[in-house]
Amino acid sequence: MTKLQRLYDEQGQSPWLDNLRRGWITGGELQDWVDKGIRGITSNPSIFQKAMGTGEDYDAQLTELAGQSIDDAYWALVVRDIEDALGILRPVYDASGGEDGYVSVEVAPALARDTEGTITAARELHERIAELNLYVKIPGTAEGIPAIRQMIAEGRSINVTLIFSLDRYREVMEAYLSGLEACTGDLTAISSVASFFISRVDTEVDRRLDEIGTPEALALRGRAAVAQAQVAYDLFLATFSGPRWDALAERGARVQRPLWASTSTKNEAYPDTLYIDALIGPDTVNTVPDGTLVAFEDHGTVARTIDADPGAAKAVLAAVEAAGVDLDDVGRRLEDEGVAAFEKSFDELLGTLGAKAEQLGAA
């Protein structure tokens, strides 16, 4: 049994793969990952930029799409990859009763501050890729929150992405609950995860702690991201319990699992499996880049850690604040940077595809 399989069988955590490219679909690598214990796939504009921007895997279809706008061509390429990946993951979906086996595709990043545009785009993606194991990703921005609630109310499964703060996470869970309450359909068919970004929190908090420079501040480096995720898990447990949740559970509702994203370490001084080892627990997902999955399989530790000491996690966050780091401001900055990074990747990819389409047409 692999460690990825043990994560699920022994700890109730679902390991997902945070990467997707056509060569993995056609070459069998994606199926190999599923065989090793991967239970879902996440994608985003940056991932597709890396996949489509180099090599020849997409050239044949891009040639077939000659005459279409580059934006339409991009979505045609994406939809094919997502549909093929959905087929590979569908047995996981069926065997798990709809708990896992999902593949996520994100709405255009330019819509992150556009509620109505996000609702329209998410609805169109769900209708264009009409598969039960599809997640459409909606950013957890202030403008995204009403869109999330609307999609859940319509019975559509959603991956809420780009969550960087505990306050926003509370808003995301509330959007899910109120969406379920507004839904008149079958709640058993609705699924959602809330993607809490991890490593970028440490990168930004560490930068601020370094600027403060006191011994107390420097001693806190590399601790904020894990602590915040552990406190988020405590909030998850509290939210999905009690009379309000019980009423929804009686209608067949599923909990909105917290998903740990951005879990490759950005600081080489930290263990490369830090953001897996420290965030293991039931009813959670960890979506991990392939390189970090390989590292975890080699030397990661399978043990329940997510709720080992919630009080200590809260104390770390309090100490970070006391040292002079405004965690609310950290969340706002990271959200803005995350949205901008995905927009940049998307725009650069459209430019790359346009240039490639011209070359293929000329040939």
Protein backbone atom coordinates (compact mmCIF):
# COMPACT_ATOMS: atom_id res chain seq x y z
CA MET A 1 0.00 0.00 0.00
CA THR A 2 1.34 3.42 -0.92
CA LYS A 3 1.47 6.31 1.53
CA LEU A 4 -1.11 8.11 -0.61
CA GLN A 5 -3.48 5.17 -0.18
CA ARG A 6 -2.74 5.11 3.56
CA LEU A 7 -3.64 8.80 3.85
CA TYR A 8 -7.17 7.93 2.84
CA ASP A 9 -7.54 4.46 4.33
CA GLU A 10 -5.99 5.26 7.71
CA GLN A 11 -6.52 9.00 8.14
CA GLY A 12 -9.55 9.91 6.02
CA GLN A 13 -7.65 12.48 3.97
CA SER A 14 -7.95 12.51 0.19
CA PRO A 15 -4.71 13.20 -1.72
CA TRP A 16 -5.29 15.00 -5.01
CA LEU A 17 -2.87 15.91 -7.77
CA ASP A 18 -2.33 19.62 -8.38
CA ASN A 19 -1.29 19.32 -12.02
CA LEU A 20 -2.71 18.29 -15.38
CA ARG A 21 -1.26 18.02 -18.86
CA ARG A 22 -2.32 16.21 -21.99
CA GLY A 23 0.78 14.05 -22.21
CA TRP A 24 -0.07 12.54 -18.82
CA ILE A 25 -3.57 11.69 -20.04
CA THR A 26 -2.47 10.10 -23.29
CA GLY A 27 0.71 8.53 -21.91
CA GLY A 28 -0.86 6.79 -18.91
CA GLU A 29 0.86 8.82 -16.18
CA LEU A 30 -2.44 10.17 -14.87
CA GLN A 31 -3.85 6.68 -14.55
CA ASP A 32 -0.66 5.64 -12.77
CA TRP A 33 -1.19 8.39 -10.20
CA VAL A 34 -4.76 7.22 -9.64
CA ASP A 35 -3.51 3.67 -9.19
CA LYS A 36 -1.08 4.97 -6.54
CA GLY A 37 -3.89 6.59 -4.56
CA ILE A 38 -4.63 9.98 -6.12
CA ARG A 39 -8.34 10.70 -5.70
CA GLY A 40 -8.84 13.98 -7.58
CA ILE A 41 -7.24 16.57 -9.87
CA THR A 42 -6.97 20.34 -9.62
CA SER A 43 -6.00 22.72 -12.40
CA ASN A 44 -5.65 26.47 -12.75
CA PRO A 45 -4.49 28.99 -15.38
CA SER A 46 -0.86 28.69 -14.28
CA ILE A 47 -0.95 24.90 -14.67
CA PHE A 48 -2.41 25.17 -18.17
CA GLN A 49 0.15 27.82 -19.07
CA LYS A 50 2.94 25.37 -18.27
CA ALA A 51 1.18 22.50 -20.03
CA MET A 52 0.23 24.28 -23.24
CA GLY A 53 3.10 26.72 -23.51
CA THR A 54 5.74 24.15 -24.44
CA GLY A 55 5.91 20.95 -26.47
CA GLU A 56 3.61 19.66 -29.16
CA ASP A 57 0.87 17.89 -27.23
CA TYR A 58 -1.74 20.49 -28.16
CA ASP A 59 -0.60 21.30 -31.70
CA ALA A 60 -2.92 18.92 -33.54
CA GLN A 61 -6.07 20.19 -31.85
CA LEU A 62 -4.92 23.80 -32.14
CA THR A 63 -4.54 23.27 -35.88
CA GLU A 64 -8.08 21.88 -36.04
CA LEU A 65 -9.32 25.01 -34.28
CA ALA A 66 -7.96 27.35 -36.96
CA GLY A 67 -10.33 30.24 -37.52
CA GLN A 68 -11.60 30.37 -33.95
CA SER A 69 -10.61 33.14 -31.58
CA ILE A 70 -7.66 32.32 -29.34
CA ASP A 71 -9.92 32.57 -26.30
CA ASP A 72 -12.34 30.02 -27.78
CA ALA A 73 -9.42 27.80 -28.79
CA TYR A 74 -8.03 27.92 -25.25
CA TRP A 75 -11.31 26.76 -23.77
CA ALA A 76 -11.63 23.99 -26.35
CA LEU A 77 -8.16 22.71 -25.38
CA VAL A 78 -8.99 22.94 -21.68
CA VAL A 79 -12.36 21.24 -22.01
CA ARG A 80 -10.84 18.26 -23.81
CA ASP A 81 -8.23 17.77 -21.07
CA ILE A 82 -10.82 18.13 -18.33
CA GLU A 83 -13.26 15.73 -19.99
CA ASP A 84 -10.54 13.12 -20.51
CA ALA A 85 -9.37 13.47 -16.92
CA LEU A 86 -12.96 13.20 -15.70
CA GLY A 87 -13.22 9.87 -17.46
CA ILE A 88 -10.08 8.57 -15.75
CA LEU A 89 -11.31 9.73 -12.32
CA ARG A 90 -14.92 8.60 -12.74
CA PRO A 91 -14.30 5.14 -11.23
CA VAL A 92 -13.01 6.86 -8.08
CA TYR A 93 -16.14 9.01 -7.98
CA ASP A 94 -18.41 5.98 -8.36
CA ALA A 95 -16.54 3.83 -5.83
CA SER A 96 -16.55 6.64 -3.23
CA GLY A 97 -20.22 7.47 -3.64
CA GLY A 98 -19.38 10.93 -4.96
CA GLU A 99 -16.94 11.86 -2.22
CA ASP A 100 -13.88 11.96 -4.48
CA GLY A 101 -12.97 11.55 -8.14
CA TYR A 102 -13.38 15.24 -8.99
CA VAL A 103 -11.50 17.28 -11.59
CA SER A 104 -11.48 21.06 -11.13
CA VAL A 105 -11.49 23.73 -13.83
CA GLU A 106 -11.39 27.45 -13.04
CA VAL A 107 -13.48 30.25 -14.49
CA ALA A 108 -11.49 32.91 -16.36
CA PRO A 109 -9.37 34.77 -13.80
CA ALA A 110 -10.50 38.18 -15.09
CA LEU A 111 -13.89 37.41 -13.48
CA ALA A 112 -12.53 37.30 -9.92
CA ARG A 113 -14.11 40.69 -9.12
CA ASP A 114 -17.25 40.17 -11.21
CA THR A 115 -20.10 38.40 -9.42
CA GLU A 116 -22.54 38.16 -12.32
CA GLY A 117 -19.81 37.28 -14.81
CA THR A 118 -18.64 34.48 -12.52
CA ILE A 119 -22.17 33.10 -12.13
CA THR A 120 -22.64 33.04 -15.90
CA ALA A 121 -19.24 31.47 -16.58
CA ALA A 122 -19.58 28.82 -13.87
CA ARG A 123 -23.04 27.89 -15.08
CA GLU A 124 -21.82 27.64 -18.68
CA LEU A 125 -18.86 25.42 -17.71
CA HIS A 126 -21.13 23.07 -15.76
CA GLU A 127 -23.47 22.84 -18.73
CA ARG A 128 -20.69 22.46 -21.29
CA ILE A 129 -18.96 19.72 -19.27
CA ALA A 130 -22.02 17.97 -17.93
CA GLU A 131 -20.30 15.40 -15.71
CA LEU A 132 -21.15 14.59 -12.12
CA ASN A 133 -17.50 14.68 -11.01
CA LEU A 134 -16.74 18.19 -12.28
CA TYR A 135 -15.81 20.98 -9.91
CA VAL A 136 -15.88 24.51 -11.26
CA LYS A 137 -13.43 26.69 -9.35
CA ILE A 138 -14.62 30.09 -8.15
CA PRO A 139 -12.22 32.44 -6.32
CA GLY A 140 -13.15 33.15 -2.73
CA THR A 141 -13.10 36.90 -3.24
CA ALA A 142 -15.76 39.20 -1.82
CA GLU A 143 -17.34 39.23 -5.28
CA GLY A 144 -17.05 35.46 -5.54
CA ILE A 145 -18.99 34.73 -2.35
CA PRO A 146 -22.47 35.49 -3.82
CA ALA A 147 -21.58 33.46 -6.92
CA ILE A 148 -20.63 30.49 -4.76
CA ARG A 149 -23.92 30.68 -2.89
CA GLN A 150 -25.86 30.91 -6.16
CA MET A 151 -24.12 27.93 -7.74
CA ILE A 152 -24.70 25.77 -4.66
CA ALA A 153 -28.35 26.86 -4.59
CA GLU A 154 -28.60 25.68 -8.22
CA GLY A 155 -27.22 22.29 -7.22
CA ARG A 156 -23.79 22.72 -8.83
CA SER A 157 -20.56 21.41 -7.30
CA ILE A 158 -17.93 24.06 -6.62
CA ASN A 159 -14.27 24.25 -5.61
CA VAL A 160 -13.76 27.58 -3.83
CA THR A 161 -10.20 28.69 -4.49
CA LEU A 162 -7.78 31.40 -3.34
CA ILE A 163 -8.70 31.44 0.36
CA PHE A 164 -5.99 33.06 2.47
CA SER A 165 -7.65 34.18 5.71
CA LEU A 166 -9.86 32.79 8.45
CA ASP A 167 -12.45 35.53 8.03
CA ARG A 168 -12.86 34.79 4.34
CA TYR A 169 -13.04 31.08 5.10
CA ARG A 170 -15.97 31.77 7.44
CA GLU A 171 -17.70 33.64 4.62
CA VAL A 172 -17.09 30.75 2.23
CA MET A 173 -18.60 28.21 4.62
CA GLU A 174 -21.59 30.49 5.18
CA ALA A 175 -22.09 30.80 1.41
CA TYR A 176 -22.10 27.01 1.15
CA LEU A 177 -24.56 26.53 4.00
CA SER A 178 -26.94 29.24 2.85
CA GLY A 179 -26.71 27.91 -0.71
CA LEU A 180 -27.70 24.45 0.49
CA GLU A 181 -30.59 25.91 2.47
CA ALA A 182 -31.80 27.74 -0.64
CA CYS A 183 -31.52 24.67 -2.85
CA THR A 184 -34.81 22.91 -3.53
CA GLY A 185 -33.20 19.95 -5.28
CA ASP A 186 -31.33 16.84 -4.21
CA LEU A 187 -28.58 17.85 -1.79
CA THR A 188 -26.84 14.49 -2.12
CA ALA A 189 -25.73 15.50 -5.62
CA ILE A 190 -23.93 18.65 -4.42
CA SER A 191 -20.28 18.62 -3.40
CA SER A 192 -17.81 21.36 -2.52
CA VAL A 193 -14.32 21.93 -1.19
CA ALA A 194 -12.84 25.13 0.23
CA SER A 195 -9.25 25.57 -0.98
CA PHE A 196 -7.15 27.18 1.72
CA PHE A 197 -3.75 28.25 0.37
CA ILE A 198 -0.82 27.37 2.62
CA SER A 199 2.77 28.04 1.51
CA ARG A 200 2.13 31.56 0.25
CA VAL A 201 1.01 32.51 3.77
CA ASP A 202 4.39 31.56 5.18
CA THR A 203 6.18 33.36 2.35
CA GLU A 204 4.41 36.65 3.10
CA VAL A 205 4.37 36.33 6.89
CA ASP A 206 8.05 35.36 6.95
CA ARG A 207 8.88 38.41 4.83
CA ARG A 208 7.18 40.65 7.37
CA LEU A 209 8.76 38.87 10.33
CA ASP A 210 12.19 39.35 8.74
CA GLU A 211 11.47 43.08 8.39
CA ILE A 212 10.52 43.28 12.07
CA GLY A 213 13.72 41.43 12.88
CA THR A 214 13.30 40.91 16.63
CA PRO A 215 14.31 37.53 18.10
CA GLU A 216 10.66 36.90 18.98
CA ALA A 217 9.56 37.61 15.41
CA LEU A 218 12.29 35.53 13.78
CA ALA A 219 11.42 32.56 16.01
CA LEU A 220 7.97 32.49 14.41
CA ARG A 221 9.18 32.03 10.83
CA GLY A 222 7.62 29.06 9.05
CA ARG A 223 4.87 28.53 11.60
CA ALA A 224 1.97 30.78 10.57
CA ALA A 225 0.66 28.84 7.56
CA VAL A 226 0.31 25.51 9.34
CA ALA A 227 -1.17 27.18 12.42
CA GLN A 228 -3.75 29.06 10.34
CA ALA A 229 -4.78 25.87 8.54
CA GLN A 230 -5.09 24.02 11.84
CA VAL A 231 -7.32 26.79 13.21
CA ALA A 232 -9.32 26.67 9.97
CA TYR A 233 -9.90 22.96 10.56
CA ASP A 234 -11.18 23.77 14.06
CA LEU A 235 -13.62 26.25 12.47
CA PHE A 236 -14.68 23.58 9.99
CA LEU A 237 -15.51 21.14 12.79
CA ALA A 238 -17.52 23.79 14.62
CA THR A 239 -19.40 24.92 11.51
CA PHE A 240 -20.40 21.47 10.32
CA SER A 241 -22.00 20.42 13.59
CA GLY A 242 -25.01 21.51 15.59
CA PRO A 243 -28.69 22.02 14.73
CA ARG A 244 -28.23 24.06 11.56
CA TRP A 245 -25.93 21.51 9.99
CA ASP A 246 -27.94 18.56 11.30
CA ALA A 247 -31.01 19.84 9.45
CA LEU A 248 -29.04 19.93 6.18
CA ALA A 249 -27.40 16.57 6.82
CA GLU A 250 -30.85 15.04 7.23
CA ARG A 251 -31.56 16.21 3.67
CA GLY A 252 -28.41 14.42 2.49
CA ALA A 253 -25.96 17.33 2.46
CA ARG A 254 -22.23 16.69 2.44
CA VAL A 255 -19.74 18.71 4.46
CA GLN A 256 -17.66 21.20 2.49
CA ARG A 257 -14.23 19.70 3.05
CA PRO A 258 -11.27 21.99 3.62
CA LEU A 259 -8.70 21.52 0.86
CA TRP A 260 -5.07 22.42 1.51
CA ALA A 261 -3.62 24.02 -1.63
CA SER A 262 -0.23 25.51 -2.48
CA THR A 263 1.41 22.77 -0.44
CA SER A 264 4.87 22.64 -1.97
CA THR A 265 7.32 24.50 0.25
CA LYS A 266 8.68 27.72 -1.23
CA ASN A 267 11.51 28.03 1.32
CA GLU A 268 14.22 25.41 0.83
CA ALA A 269 15.06 25.62 4.53
CA TYR A 270 11.74 23.96 5.35
CA PRO A 271 11.09 20.21 4.97
CA ASP A 272 9.70 19.52 1.51
CA THR A 273 6.79 17.55 2.95
CA LEU A 274 5.98 20.09 5.71
CA TYR A 275 2.59 21.07 4.30
CA ILE A 276 1.47 17.48 3.99
CA ASP A 277 2.89 16.03 7.21
CA ALA A 278 1.44 18.80 9.41
CA LEU A 279 -2.05 18.90 7.88
CA ILE A 280 -3.31 15.32 7.94
CA GLY A 281 -6.78 14.58 9.25
CA PRO A 282 -10.24 13.25 8.39
CA ASP A 283 -12.64 15.01 6.02
CA THR A 284 -9.83 16.99 4.39
CA VAL A 285 -8.20 17.12 0.96
CA ASN A 286 -4.60 17.98 0.14
CA THR A 287 -3.91 18.82 -3.49
CA VAL A 288 -0.20 18.46 -4.12
CA PRO A 289 2.18 19.04 -7.06
CA ASP A 290 3.66 15.84 -8.44
CA GLY A 291 7.19 16.58 -7.22
CA THR A 292 6.02 16.98 -3.63
CA LEU A 293 3.93 13.81 -3.90
CA VAL A 294 7.07 11.90 -4.88
CA ALA A 295 8.88 13.38 -1.87
CA PHE A 296 6.03 12.44 0.46
CA GLU A 297 5.96 8.89 -0.81
CA ASP A 298 9.70 8.68 -0.16
CA HIS A 299 9.99 10.23 3.30
CA GLY A 300 6.66 11.70 4.42
CA THR A 301 4.90 10.63 7.60
CA VAL A 302 1.33 9.31 7.72
CA ALA A 303 -0.13 10.38 11.05
CA ARG A 304 -3.05 12.51 12.21
CA THR A 305 -1.69 16.00 12.85
CA ILE A 306 -4.31 18.55 11.80
CA ASP A 307 -6.01 18.75 15.20
CA ALA A 308 -3.20 17.65 17.49
CA ASP A 309 -3.24 20.94 19.43
CA PRO A 310 -5.69 23.64 18.25
CA GLY A 311 -4.83 25.77 21.26
CA ALA A 312 -1.17 25.85 20.31
CA ALA A 313 -2.10 26.81 16.74
CA LYS A 314 -4.19 29.73 17.99
CA ALA A 315 -1.30 30.78 20.23
CA VAL A 316 1.05 30.88 17.25
CA LEU A 317 -1.30 33.18 15.33
CA ALA A 318 -1.68 35.40 18.40
CA ALA A 319 2.12 35.59 18.72
CA VAL A 320 2.48 36.50 15.05
CA GLU A 321 -0.02 39.32 15.49
CA ALA A 322 1.69 40.44 18.71
CA ALA A 323 5.01 40.56 16.88
CA GLY A 324 3.52 43.13 14.51
CA VAL A 325 2.13 41.13 11.56
CA ASP A 326 -1.42 42.03 10.53
CA LEU A 327 -2.81 38.71 9.33
CA ASP A 328 -5.91 40.34 7.86
CA ASP A 329 -3.65 42.51 5.71
CA VAL A 330 -1.63 39.42 4.76
CA GLY A 331 -4.82 37.75 3.53
CA ARG A 332 -5.87 40.77 1.48
CA ARG A 333 -2.46 41.12 -0.11
CA LEU A 334 -2.20 37.43 -0.97
CA GLU A 335 -5.68 37.41 -2.47
CA ASP A 336 -4.81 40.36 -4.70
CA GLU A 337 -1.52 38.76 -5.70
CA GLY A 338 -3.18 35.40 -6.37
CA VAL A 339 -5.81 36.92 -8.63
CA ALA A 340 -3.16 38.96 -10.46
CA ALA A 341 -0.88 35.92 -10.90
CA PHE A 342 -3.64 33.85 -12.49
CA GLU A 343 -4.63 36.73 -14.76
CA LYS A 344 -1.01 37.12 -15.84
CA SER A 345 -0.67 33.39 -16.57
CA PHE A 346 -3.92 33.42 -18.52
CA ASP A 347 -2.94 36.44 -20.63
CA GLU A 348 0.53 35.08 -21.30
CA LEU A 349 -0.89 31.73 -22.33
CA LEU A 350 -3.32 33.34 -24.79
CA GLY A 351 -0.37 35.18 -26.30
CA THR A 352 1.64 31.96 -26.56
CA LEU A 353 -1.28 30.10 -28.15
CA GLY A 354 -1.80 32.94 -30.61
CA ALA A 355 1.83 32.82 -31.70
CA LYS A 356 1.75 29.05 -31.97
CA ALA A 357 -1.48 29.13 -34.00
CA GLU A 358 0.18 31.49 -36.47
CA GLN A 359 3.18 29.18 -36.78
CA LEU A 360 1.03 26.13 -37.31
CA GLY A 361 -1.06 27.96 -39.86
CA ALA A 362 2.03 29.10 -41.71
CA ALA A 363 3.38 25.58 -41.78
